[in-house]
Amino acid sequence: QVQLVESGGGLVQPGGSLKLSCKASGFRLDDTAVAWFRRAPGKEREGVSCIMMNEAYTYYSDSAGGRFTISRDNYANTAYLQMHNMRPEDTGVYFCAAYPRPPESGYVCFDSIHGGASVYGMRYWGKGTPVTVSS
């Protein structure tokens, strides 16, 4: 069964940290770009971060840059999102997605998390893990 499963969400205080995981099964992440998106309550989905194969390129939204770190472990078939200095506005459901065999330039990664049409190339999506930042 082809799927992505997110885990690691939960409740964290402002300024705290969480690490999300995105485990793939039924396919290999090796030749995919992997992205994280989130949907805050009452808002549209937004891109957070994206990583190309072999970590050649990583991209972040303006709100995530400097606080979040995306990584991947192809042997474990898993991608991660480490979040530090979290804010209440980081609250939402976090989804991971995979784009199979993207062009090597990294453009689809950048474009996907910045509202571009490349997001439609994200073939695989997880069901999300909820994150709440609150005191």
C-alpha atoms as a PDB file:
ATOM      1  CA  GLN A   1       0.000   0.000   0.000  1.00  0.00           C
ATOM      2  CA  VAL A   2       1.430   3.339  -1.079  1.00  0.00           C
ATOM      3  CA  GLN A   3       1.190   5.901   1.659  1.00  0.00           C
ATOM      4  CA  LEU A   4       2.831   8.648   3.660  1.00  0.00           C
ATOM      5  CA  VAL A   5       2.258   8.739   7.386  1.00  0.00           C
ATOM      6  CA  GLU A   6       3.076  11.769   9.496  1.00  0.00           C
ATOM      7  CA  SER A   7       3.785  11.608  13.201  1.00  0.00           C
ATOM      8  CA  GLY A   8       5.229  13.725  15.969  1.00  0.00           C
ATOM      9  CA  GLY A   9       2.560  16.365  16.259  1.00  0.00           C
ATOM     10  CA  GLY A  10       1.155  17.496  19.553  1.00  0.00           C
ATOM     11  CA  LEU A  11       0.840  20.344  22.001  1.00  0.00           C
ATOM     12  CA  VAL A  12       3.844  22.572  22.608  1.00  0.00           C
ATOM     13  CA  GLN A  13       4.314  25.852  24.413  1.00  0.00           C
ATOM     14  CA  PRO A  14       5.410  28.978  22.572  1.00  0.00           C
ATOM     15  CA  GLY A  15       9.158  28.895  22.149  1.00  0.00           C
ATOM     16  CA  GLY A  16       9.192  25.114  22.270  1.00  0.00           C
ATOM     17  CA  SER A  17      10.230  22.517  19.705  1.00  0.00           C
ATOM     18  CA  LEU A  18       8.725  19.584  17.876  1.00  0.00           C
ATOM     19  CA  LYS A  19      10.067  17.167  15.312  1.00  0.00           C
ATOM     20  CA  LEU A  20       7.687  15.757  12.748  1.00  0.00           C
ATOM     21  CA  SER A  21       8.312  12.579  10.798  1.00  0.00           C
ATOM     22  CA  CYS A  22       6.982  11.510   7.418  1.00  0.00           C
ATOM     23  CA  LYS A  23       7.328   7.793   6.789  1.00  0.00           C
ATOM     24  CA  ALA A  24       6.804   6.424   3.286  1.00  0.00           C
ATOM     25  CA  SER A  25       5.653   2.915   2.533  1.00  0.00           C
ATOM     26  CA  GLY A  26       4.936   1.181  -0.739  1.00  0.00           C
ATOM     27  CA  PHE A  27       7.424   3.386  -2.608  1.00  0.00           C
ATOM     28  CA  ARG A  28      10.888   4.831  -2.134  1.00  0.00           C
ATOM     29  CA  LEU A  29      11.497   8.434  -1.177  1.00  0.00           C
ATOM     30  CA  ASP A  30      14.954   8.356  -2.773  1.00  0.00           C
ATOM     31  CA  ASP A  31      13.865   9.868  -6.065  1.00  0.00           C
ATOM     32  CA  THR A  32      11.229  12.237  -4.772  1.00  0.00           C
ATOM     33  CA  ALA A  33      11.144  15.771  -3.534  1.00  0.00           C
ATOM     34  CA  VAL A  34       9.448  15.879  -0.162  1.00  0.00           C
ATOM     35  CA  ALA A  35       7.537  18.869   1.106  1.00  0.00           C
ATOM     36  CA  TRP A  36       5.719  19.880   4.251  1.00  0.00           C
ATOM     37  CA  PHE A  37       2.534  21.884   4.168  1.00  0.00           C
ATOM     38  CA  ARG A  38       0.212  23.034   6.899  1.00  0.00           C
ATOM     39  CA  ARG A  39      -3.345  24.180   7.240  1.00  0.00           C
ATOM     40  CA  ALA A  40      -4.164  26.499  10.101  1.00  0.00           C
ATOM     41  CA  PRO A  41      -7.725  26.592  11.411  1.00  0.00           C
ATOM     42  CA  GLY A  42      -9.887  28.563   9.016  1.00  0.00           C
ATOM     43  CA  LYS A  43      -7.074  29.183   6.562  1.00  0.00           C
ATOM     44  CA  GLU A  44      -5.854  27.824   3.275  1.00  0.00           C
ATOM     45  CA  ARG A  45      -3.112  25.248   3.069  1.00  0.00           C
ATOM     46  CA  GLU A  46       0.336  26.803   2.888  1.00  0.00           C
ATOM     47  CA  GLY A  47       3.754  25.473   2.045  1.00  0.00           C
ATOM     48  CA  VAL A  48       6.312  25.224   4.811  1.00  0.00           C
ATOM     49  CA  SER A  49       9.415  23.531   3.478  1.00  0.00           C
ATOM     50  CA  CYS A  50      10.703  21.270   0.728  1.00  0.00           C
ATOM     51  CA  ILE A  51      13.784  19.133   0.190  1.00  0.00           C
ATOM     52  CA  MET A  52      15.156  17.692  -2.999  1.00  0.00           C
ATOM     53  CA  MET A  53      16.710  14.286  -3.446  1.00  0.00           C
ATOM     54  CA  ASN A  54      20.018  13.810  -1.634  1.00  0.00           C
ATOM     55  CA  GLU A  55      19.315  17.081   0.180  1.00  0.00           C
ATOM     56  CA  ALA A  56      20.742  19.021  -2.764  1.00  0.00           C
ATOM     57  CA  TYR A  57      18.343  21.874  -2.164  1.00  0.00           C
ATOM     58  CA  THR A  58      16.115  22.869   0.706  1.00  0.00           C
ATOM     59  CA  TYR A  59      13.526  25.616   0.716  1.00  0.00           C
ATOM     60  CA  TYR A  60      11.492  27.322   3.398  1.00  0.00           C
ATOM     61  CA  SER A  61       8.577  29.676   3.602  1.00  0.00           C
ATOM     62  CA  ASP A  62       9.292  33.090   5.058  1.00  0.00           C
ATOM     63  CA  SER A  63       7.655  32.093   8.339  1.00  0.00           C
ATOM     64  CA  ALA A  64       9.610  28.858   8.643  1.00  0.00           C
ATOM     65  CA  GLY A  65      13.037  30.057   7.621  1.00  0.00           C
ATOM     66  CA  GLY A  66      15.508  30.271  10.465  1.00  0.00           C
ATOM     67  CA  ARG A  67      13.306  28.240  12.817  1.00  0.00           C
ATOM     68  CA  PHE A  68      12.514  25.017  10.954  1.00  0.00           C
ATOM     69  CA  THR A  69      14.865  22.470   9.424  1.00  0.00           C
ATOM     70  CA  ILE A  70      13.824  19.883   6.868  1.00  0.00           C
ATOM     71  CA  SER A  71      15.836  16.701   6.435  1.00  0.00           C
ATOM     72  CA  ARG A  72      15.520  13.223   5.086  1.00  0.00           C
ATOM     73  CA  ASP A  73      16.883   9.758   5.703  1.00  0.00           C
ATOM     74  CA  ASN A  74      16.521   7.785   2.516  1.00  0.00           C
ATOM     75  CA  TYR A  75      17.618   4.578   4.213  1.00  0.00           C
ATOM     76  CA  ALA A  76      14.777   4.953   6.684  1.00  0.00           C
ATOM     77  CA  ASN A  77      12.468   6.100   3.888  1.00  0.00           C
ATOM     78  CA  THR A  78      11.536   9.006   6.109  1.00  0.00           C
ATOM     79  CA  ALA A  79      11.606  12.785   5.998  1.00  0.00           C
ATOM     80  CA  TYR A  80      11.580  15.114   8.982  1.00  0.00           C
ATOM     81  CA  LEU A  81      10.675  18.634   9.958  1.00  0.00           C
ATOM     82  CA  GLN A  82      12.418  19.953  13.043  1.00  0.00           C
ATOM     83  CA  MET A  83      10.642  23.001  14.417  1.00  0.00           C
ATOM     84  CA  HIS A  84      12.174  25.351  16.983  1.00  0.00           C
ATOM     85  CA  ASN A  85      11.056  28.591  18.623  1.00  0.00           C
ATOM     86  CA  MET A  86       7.495  27.763  17.777  1.00  0.00           C
ATOM     87  CA  ARG A  87       4.765  30.377  17.727  1.00  0.00           C
ATOM     88  CA  PRO A  88       0.989  30.192  18.155  1.00  0.00           C
ATOM     89  CA  GLU A  89       0.633  30.942  14.438  1.00  0.00           C
ATOM     90  CA  ASP A  90       2.423  27.641  13.713  1.00  0.00           C
ATOM     91  CA  THR A  91      -0.691  25.855  14.929  1.00  0.00           C
ATOM     92  CA  GLY A  92      -2.335  23.680  12.313  1.00  0.00           C
ATOM     93  CA  VAL A  93      -2.381  20.287  10.673  1.00  0.00           C
ATOM     94  CA  TYR A  94       0.932  19.451   9.040  1.00  0.00           C
ATOM     95  CA  PHE A  95       1.019  17.330   5.919  1.00  0.00           C
ATOM     96  CA  CYS A  96       3.911  15.823   4.026  1.00  0.00           C
ATOM     97  CA  ALA A  97       3.843  15.208   0.309  1.00  0.00           C
ATOM     98  CA  ALA A  98       6.159  13.640  -2.251  1.00  0.00           C
ATOM     99  CA  TYR A  99       6.888  14.637  -5.848  1.00  0.00           C
ATOM    100  CA  PRO A 100       8.273  11.692  -7.804  1.00  0.00           C
ATOM    101  CA  ARG A 101      11.307  12.209 -10.039  1.00  0.00           C
ATOM    102  CA  PRO A 102      11.367  15.980 -10.072  1.00  0.00           C
ATOM    103  CA  PRO A 103      13.738  17.915 -12.306  1.00  0.00           C
ATOM    104  CA  GLU A 104      17.062  18.342 -10.555  1.00  0.00           C
ATOM    105  CA  SER A 105      16.973  22.133 -10.544  1.00  0.00           C
ATOM    106  CA  GLY A 106      14.869  22.284  -7.419  1.00  0.00           C
ATOM    107  CA  TYR A 107      12.353  24.623  -8.992  1.00  0.00           C
ATOM    108  CA  VAL A 108       9.377  22.343  -8.324  1.00  0.00           C
ATOM    109  CA  CYS A 109      10.308  22.309  -4.654  1.00  0.00           C
ATOM    110  CA  PHE A 110      10.478  26.070  -4.415  1.00  0.00           C
ATOM    111  CA  ASP A 111       7.385  26.574  -6.528  1.00  0.00           C
ATOM    112  CA  SER A 112       5.305  24.031  -4.619  1.00  0.00           C
ATOM    113  CA  ILE A 113       5.687  25.684  -1.252  1.00  0.00           C
ATOM    114  CA  HIS A 114       5.228  29.168  -2.623  1.00  0.00           C
ATOM    115  CA  GLY A 115       1.791  28.631  -4.078  1.00  0.00           C
ATOM    116  CA  GLY A 116       2.814  27.548  -7.558  1.00  0.00           C
ATOM    117  CA  ALA A 117       1.305  24.967  -9.845  1.00  0.00           C
ATOM    118  CA  SER A 118       4.115  22.523  -9.150  1.00  0.00           C
ATOM    119  CA  VAL A 119       2.181  21.447  -6.091  1.00  0.00           C
ATOM    120  CA  TYR A 120      -0.028  19.433  -8.427  1.00  0.00           C
ATOM    121  CA  GLY A 121       2.960  17.215  -9.067  1.00  0.00           C
ATOM    122  CA  MET A 122       2.945  16.144  -5.427  1.00  0.00           C
ATOM    123  CA  ARG A 123       1.534  12.703  -6.110  1.00  0.00           C
ATOM    124  CA  TYR A 124       1.548  11.324  -2.587  1.00  0.00           C
ATOM    125  CA  TRP A 125       0.065  12.991   0.469  1.00  0.00           C
ATOM    126  CA  GLY A 126      -0.200  12.020   4.093  1.00  0.00           C
ATOM    127  CA  LYS A 127      -3.275  12.563   6.201  1.00  0.00           C
ATOM    128  CA  GLY A 128      -1.585  15.033   8.484  1.00  0.00           C
ATOM    129  CA  THR A 129      -0.544  15.387  12.084  1.00  0.00           C
ATOM    130  CA  PRO A 130      -1.955  18.156  14.284  1.00  0.00           C
ATOM    131  CA  VAL A 131       0.289  20.699  15.957  1.00  0.00           C
ATOM    132  CA  THR A 132      -0.909  23.128  18.599  1.00  0.00           C
ATOM    133  CA  VAL A 133       1.268  25.884  19.983  1.00  0.00           C
ATOM    134  CA  SER A 134      -0.297  27.282  23.095  1.00  0.00           C
ATOM    135  CA  SER A 135       0.494  28.094  26.676  1.00  0.00           C
END
